[in-house]
Amino acid sequence: MTNTMKRMLVLLLIISGGTGPTAACSSSCSSECYCNSRNLSNVPQDLPTGITHVNLDGNAITTLSQSDFSRYSSLKTLYLPFNQISIINSGAFYSLTRLTTLDLGYNHLTSLQTDMFVGLDNLQYLYLHHNNIHSIEAGTFSTTPQLRSLEIQNNRIGTVAVGTFVNLPRLRFLYLNYNQISTIAAGAFVNLSQLLRLYLYHNRIDIFPSDLLSNLNSSRLSYLRLFDNQMETLPPTAYGILASVSTVNIDNNPWQCDCRMLPFKQRMNGSHLFENEIRCAGPGSPANITGKRLLDEVSPEDMICEEEATVSFNSSTPGDSDAGRSSGSFFQSVFLSAFLGATVGTLFTLTVFTSI
């Protein structure tokens, strides 16, 4: 290695050292403490009580308790990603009333309870992505009324129940993508009047959530992503809902372009981008329109259901109509003969009775 290269290496080390964290994870740090990647199994308790920022990224912490942060009531940002946190005891964040950002991504959480975030009155950004969360109790986020952004993507959530997102009047961004959501209760998104972006893509939603999204019509929702789901049909009311959102993505769903989609098709006029994303897929769609765009490559006459086709086929089978008419004529003749016979018999009886 030449002297020039050595000098350059030393210079780079000096520069990199000058741009790195200025505070260490010890009592010597002032308002910001960087304790990341130190193989810590617990929250350190020897930090200055006035700290406002703590980074505990990449450690081995498994449990959070109330005593862990009781000394650090001035915290505004707390980073805990890439740990092994699976338990958050009741009131763990009770003293962190000034906290605005909490990152719990890439941990081992499996469920969220109502007492988990008590005390976070001013929390604005909550990151829970890349855990193993499969259930959320109703009212879990009711103690975080200032929340602006909630990221719960890349988990195992299957159902979004009523009351999951209550008391979030300031929520603007909600990330629920890359879960296993198949059921969304009609009242799950009530009162989210400030919601701007809703991410529901790459789930297992098989029915378009009309009741759910109708609650957002009066909101400021401008970004809706529902692609990569299992939706097969769209009701007529879905058109107005989708048209009210400025940016919509519903691509890559197994749309069945049969009679159920006809009312929706009749409302399409090509004025919205999402109309170009609906392509007919099998096996429910007739074979001649599979893979075609519903907007301009499918005619209403092609949008039939199997039941209709079966009924139509049975009613128009060659020979059956003539046989039906013949059978009908036969039964009509029998009926008329019987009727006339009964009438004549009655008249004869009356005549004889009158004569006697």
Protein backbone atom coordinates (compact mmCIF):
# COMPACT_ATOMS: atom_id res chain seq x y z
CA MET A 1 0.00 0.00 0.00
CA THR A 2 1.44 3.37 -1.03
CA ASN A 3 1.71 6.38 1.27
CA THR A 4 -0.96 8.16 -0.74
CA MET A 5 -3.39 5.30 -0.26
CA LYS A 6 -2.58 5.17 3.46
CA ARG A 7 -3.26 8.89 3.81
CA MET A 8 -6.55 8.50 1.93
CA LEU A 9 -7.57 5.61 4.20
CA VAL A 10 -6.78 7.63 7.32
CA LEU A 11 -8.74 10.56 5.93
CA LEU A 12 -11.76 8.35 5.22
CA LEU A 13 -11.62 6.94 8.75
CA ILE A 14 -11.51 10.45 10.19
CA ILE A 15 -14.43 11.56 8.02
CA SER A 16 -16.50 8.48 8.83
CA GLY A 17 -15.78 8.89 12.52
CA GLY A 18 -16.84 12.52 12.38
CA THR A 19 -20.16 11.76 10.71
CA GLY A 20 -21.17 8.84 12.95
CA PRO A 21 -23.13 9.05 16.20
CA THR A 22 -21.54 11.55 18.57
CA ALA A 23 -23.09 9.99 21.67
CA ALA A 24 -22.25 6.56 23.00
CA CYS A 25 -24.55 4.25 24.94
CA SER A 26 -23.38 5.30 28.39
CA SER A 27 -23.86 7.99 30.97
CA SER A 28 -21.71 10.27 28.81
CA CYS A 29 -24.39 10.71 26.12
CA SER A 30 -26.54 13.80 26.45
CA SER A 31 -29.88 14.08 24.65
CA GLU A 32 -29.29 11.28 22.11
CA CYS A 33 -28.02 7.82 22.98
CA TYR A 34 -27.11 5.18 20.39
CA CYS A 35 -27.20 1.72 21.91
CA ASN A 36 -27.71 -0.27 18.73
CA SER A 37 -26.07 -3.65 18.03
CA ARG A 38 -24.58 -4.15 21.49
CA ASN A 39 -26.17 -7.50 22.29
CA LEU A 40 -28.19 -5.94 25.11
CA SER A 41 -30.85 -8.17 26.69
CA ASN A 42 -32.43 -5.32 28.70
CA VAL A 43 -33.00 -1.61 28.36
CA PRO A 44 -29.94 0.12 29.92
CA GLN A 45 -30.72 2.02 33.11
CA ASP A 46 -27.57 4.14 33.33
CA LEU A 47 -28.50 6.67 30.66
CA PRO A 48 -29.16 10.35 31.43
CA THR A 49 -32.73 10.86 32.60
CA GLY A 50 -33.17 13.85 30.26
CA ILE A 51 -32.50 11.97 27.00
CA THR A 52 -34.96 12.56 24.15
CA HIS A 53 -33.70 9.96 21.65
CA VAL A 54 -32.66 6.31 22.19
CA ASN A 55 -31.66 3.82 19.52
CA LEU A 56 -31.74 0.20 20.70
CA ASP A 57 -31.79 -1.32 17.24
CA GLY A 58 -30.34 -4.80 16.74
CA ASN A 59 -30.08 -6.08 20.30
CA ALA A 60 -31.45 -9.15 22.12
CA ILE A 61 -34.26 -7.61 24.18
CA THR A 62 -37.21 -9.98 24.62
CA THR A 63 -39.51 -8.26 27.15
CA LEU A 64 -40.54 -4.67 27.87
CA SER A 65 -41.79 -3.68 31.33
CA GLN A 66 -42.92 -0.43 32.93
CA SER A 67 -39.68 -0.07 34.86
CA ASP A 68 -37.63 -0.05 31.65
CA PHE A 69 -38.60 3.50 30.68
CA SER A 70 -39.85 5.02 33.93
CA ARG A 71 -36.60 7.03 34.24
CA TYR A 72 -36.80 8.44 30.69
CA SER A 73 -40.00 10.45 30.65
CA SER A 74 -38.49 13.04 28.26
CA LEU A 75 -38.10 10.58 25.40
CA LYS A 76 -39.53 11.68 22.05
CA THR A 77 -38.17 8.93 19.78
CA LEU A 78 -37.57 5.28 20.70
CA TYR A 79 -36.15 2.76 18.24
CA LEU A 80 -36.41 -0.95 19.09
CA PRO A 81 -36.38 -2.79 15.73
CA PHE A 82 -34.50 -6.04 15.09
CA ASN A 83 -34.75 -7.28 18.65
CA GLN A 84 -36.55 -10.38 19.95
CA ILE A 85 -39.43 -8.63 21.71
CA SER A 86 -42.39 -10.95 22.17
CA ILE A 87 -43.87 -9.55 25.40
CA ILE A 88 -44.88 -5.98 26.18
CA ASN A 89 -46.24 -5.84 29.70
CA SER A 90 -49.15 -3.63 30.67
CA GLY A 91 -48.05 0.00 31.12
CA ALA A 92 -44.59 -0.53 29.62
CA PHE A 93 -44.81 2.92 27.98
CA TYR A 94 -46.89 4.55 30.71
CA SER A 95 -44.33 7.27 31.51
CA LEU A 96 -43.57 8.14 27.86
CA THR A 97 -46.24 10.80 27.41
CA ARG A 98 -43.94 12.91 25.20
CA LEU A 99 -43.00 10.13 22.82
CA THR A 100 -43.87 10.85 19.17
CA THR A 101 -42.12 7.94 17.37
CA LEU A 102 -42.00 4.27 18.40
CA ASP A 103 -40.39 1.63 16.18
CA LEU A 104 -41.09 -2.01 17.09
CA GLY A 105 -40.58 -3.47 13.63
CA TYR A 106 -38.82 -6.80 13.02
CA ASN A 107 -39.62 -8.34 16.40
CA HIS A 108 -41.58 -11.38 17.63
CA LEU A 109 -44.91 -9.87 18.68
CA THR A 110 -47.90 -12.18 18.10
CA SER A 111 -50.85 -10.15 19.40
CA LEU A 112 -51.76 -6.59 20.38
CA GLN A 113 -53.72 -5.90 23.57
CA THR A 114 -55.64 -2.86 24.75
CA ASP A 115 -53.20 -2.06 27.57
CA MET A 116 -50.09 -2.29 25.43
CA PHE A 117 -49.78 1.38 24.41
CA VAL A 118 -51.22 3.10 27.48
CA GLY A 119 -49.45 6.39 28.17
CA LEU A 120 -48.55 7.23 24.57
CA ASP A 121 -50.85 10.24 24.43
CA ASN A 122 -48.73 12.11 21.88
CA LEU A 123 -47.51 9.24 19.72
CA GLN A 124 -47.65 10.09 16.02
CA TYR A 125 -45.71 7.30 14.27
CA LEU A 126 -46.00 3.64 15.24
CA TYR A 127 -44.11 0.91 13.37
CA LEU A 128 -45.17 -2.71 13.97
CA HIS A 129 -44.27 -4.20 10.61
CA HIS A 130 -42.49 -7.54 10.15
CA ASN A 131 -43.65 -9.19 13.37
CA ASN A 132 -45.82 -12.26 13.80
CA ILE A 133 -49.01 -10.44 14.76
CA HIS A 134 -52.16 -12.45 14.08
CA SER A 135 -54.73 -10.67 16.28
CA ILE A 136 -55.53 -7.12 17.40
CA GLU A 137 -57.94 -6.49 20.27
CA ALA A 138 -60.61 -3.88 19.70
CA GLY A 139 -59.52 -0.56 21.22
CA THR A 140 -55.79 -1.36 21.13
CA PHE A 141 -55.04 2.05 19.62
CA SER A 142 -57.62 4.03 21.56
CA THR A 143 -54.85 5.37 23.83
CA THR A 144 -52.96 6.93 20.90
CA PRO A 145 -55.34 9.64 19.62
CA GLN A 146 -52.56 11.68 17.97
CA LEU A 147 -51.42 8.84 15.71
CA ARG A 148 -50.67 9.95 12.11
CA SER A 149 -49.11 6.82 10.64
CA LEU A 150 -49.66 3.17 11.59
CA GLU A 151 -47.63 0.44 9.88
CA ILE A 152 -48.75 -3.16 10.54
CA GLN A 153 -47.74 -4.68 7.21
CA ASN A 154 -45.95 -8.02 6.84
CA ASN A 155 -47.74 -9.82 9.68
CA ARG A 156 -50.30 -12.63 9.91
CA ILE A 157 -53.51 -10.69 10.55
CA GLY A 158 -56.54 -12.57 9.24
CA THR A 159 -59.47 -10.49 10.54
CA VAL A 160 -59.99 -6.78 11.10
CA ALA A 161 -62.72 -6.51 13.72
CA VAL A 162 -65.06 -3.68 14.64
CA GLY A 163 -63.33 -1.18 16.91
CA THR A 164 -59.80 -2.03 15.80
CA PHE A 165 -59.05 1.56 14.80
CA VAL A 166 -61.28 3.57 17.13
CA ASN A 167 -60.21 6.96 18.48
CA LEU A 168 -57.79 7.70 15.65
CA PRO A 169 -59.21 10.97 14.29
CA ARG A 170 -55.81 12.14 12.98
CA LEU A 171 -54.69 8.94 11.26
CA ARG A 172 -53.51 9.60 7.70
CA PHE A 173 -51.56 6.51 6.66
CA LEU A 174 -52.64 2.94 7.39
CA TYR A 175 -50.51 0.03 6.15
CA LEU A 176 -52.14 -3.41 6.27
CA ASN A 177 -50.51 -4.92 3.20
CA TYR A 178 -48.81 -8.32 3.16
CA ASN A 179 -51.04 -9.92 5.77
CA GLN A 180 -53.59 -12.73 5.53
CA ILE A 181 -56.70 -10.56 5.81
CA SER A 182 -59.82 -12.24 4.49
CA THR A 183 -62.48 -10.62 6.69
CA ILE A 184 -63.00 -6.92 7.38
CA ALA A 185 -65.91 -5.89 9.60
CA ALA A 186 -68.19 -3.17 8.25
CA GLY A 187 -67.37 -0.78 11.11
CA ALA A 188 -63.63 -1.34 11.16
CA PHE A 189 -62.73 2.04 9.63
CA VAL A 190 -65.39 4.24 11.20
CA ASN A 191 -64.41 7.86 12.02
CA LEU A 192 -61.10 7.81 10.11
CA SER A 193 -61.98 11.17 8.64
CA GLN A 194 -58.37 12.23 7.95
CA LEU A 195 -57.22 9.01 6.27
CA LEU A 196 -55.24 9.74 3.11
CA ARG A 197 -53.72 6.38 2.20
CA LEU A 198 -55.01 2.86 2.80
CA TYR A 199 -52.84 -0.12 1.86
CA LEU A 200 -54.64 -3.47 1.71
CA TYR A 201 -52.78 -5.16 -1.11
CA HIS A 202 -51.42 -8.70 -1.04
CA ASN A 203 -54.03 -10.14 1.31
CA ARG A 204 -56.83 -12.68 0.92
CA ILE A 205 -59.81 -10.36 0.57
CA ASP A 206 -62.37 -12.14 -1.60
CA ILE A 207 -65.33 -9.75 -1.35
CA PHE A 208 -65.03 -6.07 -2.18
CA PRO A 209 -65.47 -4.26 1.17
CA SER A 210 -68.26 -1.90 0.09
CA ASP A 211 -69.65 -1.40 3.60
CA LEU A 212 -66.16 -0.72 4.88
CA LEU A 213 -65.13 1.79 2.25
CA SER A 214 -68.47 3.58 2.19
CA ASN A 215 -67.55 4.92 5.63
CA LEU A 216 -64.62 6.72 3.99
CA ASN A 217 -66.56 8.49 1.26
CA SER A 218 -66.66 11.72 3.21
CA SER A 219 -63.00 11.51 4.18
CA ARG A 220 -59.93 12.69 2.31
CA LEU A 221 -58.91 9.22 1.12
CA SER A 222 -56.77 9.73 -1.96
CA TYR A 223 -54.79 6.50 -2.25
CA LEU A 224 -56.27 2.99 -2.14
CA ARG A 225 -54.33 -0.17 -2.97
CA LEU A 226 -56.29 -3.42 -3.18
CA PHE A 227 -54.30 -5.36 -5.74
CA ASP A 228 -53.09 -8.95 -5.24
CA ASN A 229 -56.21 -10.14 -3.43
CA GLN A 230 -58.90 -12.74 -4.18
CA MET A 231 -61.80 -10.51 -5.25
CA GLU A 232 -63.94 -11.98 -8.04
CA THR A 233 -66.71 -9.46 -8.58
CA LEU A 234 -67.57 -5.81 -7.98
CA PRO A 235 -71.07 -4.63 -6.97
CA PRO A 236 -72.53 -1.54 -8.70
CA THR A 237 -71.91 0.58 -5.59
CA ALA A 238 -68.19 -0.12 -5.83
CA TYR A 239 -67.88 2.11 -8.88
CA GLY A 240 -68.86 5.26 -7.03
CA ILE A 241 -66.56 4.41 -4.14
CA LEU A 242 -63.55 3.78 -6.38
CA ALA A 243 -64.30 6.84 -8.50
CA SER A 244 -64.18 9.07 -5.42
CA VAL A 245 -60.55 8.09 -4.70
CA SER A 246 -57.94 9.87 -6.80
CA THR A 247 -55.46 6.96 -6.99
CA VAL A 248 -56.75 3.37 -7.01
CA ASN A 249 -55.03 0.07 -7.74
CA ILE A 250 -57.17 -3.10 -7.92
CA ASP A 251 -55.03 -5.02 -10.37
CA ASN A 252 -54.25 -8.74 -10.20
CA ASN A 253 -57.52 -10.02 -8.78
CA PRO A 254 -59.33 -13.06 -10.25
CA TRP A 255 -62.21 -11.04 -11.72
CA GLN A 256 -65.08 -13.22 -12.96
CA CYS A 257 -66.68 -11.31 -15.81
CA ASP A 258 -70.10 -12.94 -15.65
CA CYS A 259 -73.60 -11.59 -15.07
CA ARG A 260 -72.66 -10.45 -11.54
CA MET A 261 -70.26 -7.86 -12.99
CA LEU A 262 -72.70 -6.59 -15.62
CA PRO A 263 -74.18 -3.73 -13.51
CA PHE A 264 -70.64 -2.53 -12.74
CA LYS A 265 -69.68 -2.82 -16.40
CA GLN A 266 -72.64 -0.67 -17.38
CA ARG A 267 -71.32 2.17 -15.20
CA MET A 268 -67.83 2.12 -16.71
CA ASN A 269 -67.03 4.97 -19.09
CA GLY A 270 -63.22 4.95 -19.24
CA SER A 271 -62.74 8.11 -17.17
CA HIS A 272 -60.80 6.39 -14.36
CA LEU A 273 -57.52 4.52 -14.50
CA PHE A 274 -58.72 1.63 -12.35
CA GLU A 275 -61.15 0.64 -15.12
CA ASN A 276 -58.20 -0.48 -17.25
CA GLU A 277 -56.93 -2.77 -14.46
CA ILE A 278 -59.89 -5.15 -14.50
CA ARG A 279 -59.05 -8.17 -16.63
CA CYS A 280 -61.30 -11.18 -16.78
CA ALA A 281 -59.90 -14.34 -15.25
CA GLY A 282 -61.01 -17.98 -15.18
CA PRO A 283 -62.61 -20.25 -14.38
CA GLY A 284 -65.80 -18.24 -13.81
CA SER A 285 -65.39 -16.00 -16.85
CA PRO A 286 -66.55 -17.36 -20.20
CA ALA A 287 -63.62 -18.83 -22.13
CA ASN A 288 -63.88 -16.34 -24.99
CA ILE A 289 -63.24 -13.32 -22.73
CA THR A 290 -60.61 -14.69 -20.33
CA GLY A 291 -57.66 -12.31 -20.20
CA LYS A 292 -59.54 -9.42 -21.79
CA ARG A 293 -60.14 -5.97 -20.33
CA LEU A 294 -63.66 -5.55 -19.02
CA LEU A 295 -63.74 -1.90 -20.10
CA ASP A 296 -63.35 -2.15 -23.87
CA GLU A 297 -62.75 -5.78 -24.83
CA VAL A 298 -65.84 -7.43 -23.37
CA SER A 299 -69.42 -6.91 -24.53
CA PRO A 300 -72.39 -7.18 -22.17
CA GLU A 301 -73.79 -10.05 -24.25
CA ASP A 302 -70.76 -12.16 -23.28
CA MET A 303 -71.25 -11.66 -19.56
CA ILE A 304 -73.45 -14.63 -18.75
CA CYS A 305 -73.53 -16.93 -15.77
CA GLU A 306 -73.41 -20.70 -15.97
CA GLU A 307 -76.94 -21.00 -14.61
CA GLU A 308 -78.27 -18.72 -17.33
CA ALA A 309 -76.45 -20.67 -20.01
CA THR A 310 -77.86 -23.94 -18.69
CA VAL A 311 -81.41 -22.61 -18.60
CA SER A 312 -81.04 -21.13 -22.08
CA PHE A 313 -79.65 -24.39 -23.44
CA ASN A 314 -82.42 -26.49 -21.93
CA SER A 315 -85.14 -24.21 -23.23
CA SER A 316 -83.75 -24.12 -26.76
CA THR A 317 -82.70 -27.73 -27.36
CA PRO A 318 -83.76 -28.80 -30.91
CA GLY A 319 -86.88 -30.97 -30.88
CA ASP A 320 -87.71 -30.25 -27.26
CA SER A 321 -89.85 -27.23 -28.12
CA ASP A 322 -91.98 -29.22 -30.61
CA ALA A 323 -92.35 -32.04 -28.13
CA GLY A 324 -93.36 -29.55 -25.47
CA ARG A 325 -95.96 -28.03 -27.75
CA SER A 326 -97.28 -31.50 -28.67
CA SER A 327 -97.51 -32.49 -25.05
CA GLY A 328 -99.22 -29.24 -24.26
CA SER A 329 -101.76 -29.75 -27.05
CA PHE A 330 -102.45 -33.31 -25.85
CA PHE A 331 -103.14 -32.24 -22.28
CA GLN A 332 -105.28 -29.36 -23.51
CA SER A 333 -107.41 -31.79 -25.57
CA VAL A 334 -107.83 -34.15 -22.63
CA PHE A 335 -108.82 -31.28 -20.39
CA LEU A 336 -111.42 -29.93 -22.86
CA SER A 337 -112.91 -33.38 -23.40
CA ALA A 338 -113.25 -33.98 -19.70
CA PHE A 339 -114.79 -30.56 -19.18
CA LEU A 340 -117.35 -30.96 -21.97
CA GLY A 341 -118.24 -34.46 -20.74
CA ALA A 342 -118.87 -33.21 -17.23
CA THR A 343 -120.98 -30.33 -18.52
CA VAL A 344 -123.18 -32.56 -20.71
CA GLY A 345 -123.65 -35.03 -17.84
CA THR A 346 -124.73 -32.25 -15.51
CA LEU A 347 -127.27 -30.86 -18.02
CA PHE A 348 -128.71 -34.36 -18.63
CA THR A 349 -129.13 -34.93 -14.92
CA LEU A 350 -130.92 -31.61 -14.47
CA THR A 351 -133.28 -32.37 -17.38
CA VAL A 352 -134.27 -35.76 -15.97
CA PHE A 353 -134.78 -34.28 -12.50
CA THR A 354 -136.97 -31.49 -13.91
CA SER A 355 -139.12 -33.97 -15.87
CA ILE A 356 -139.74 -36.10 -12.78
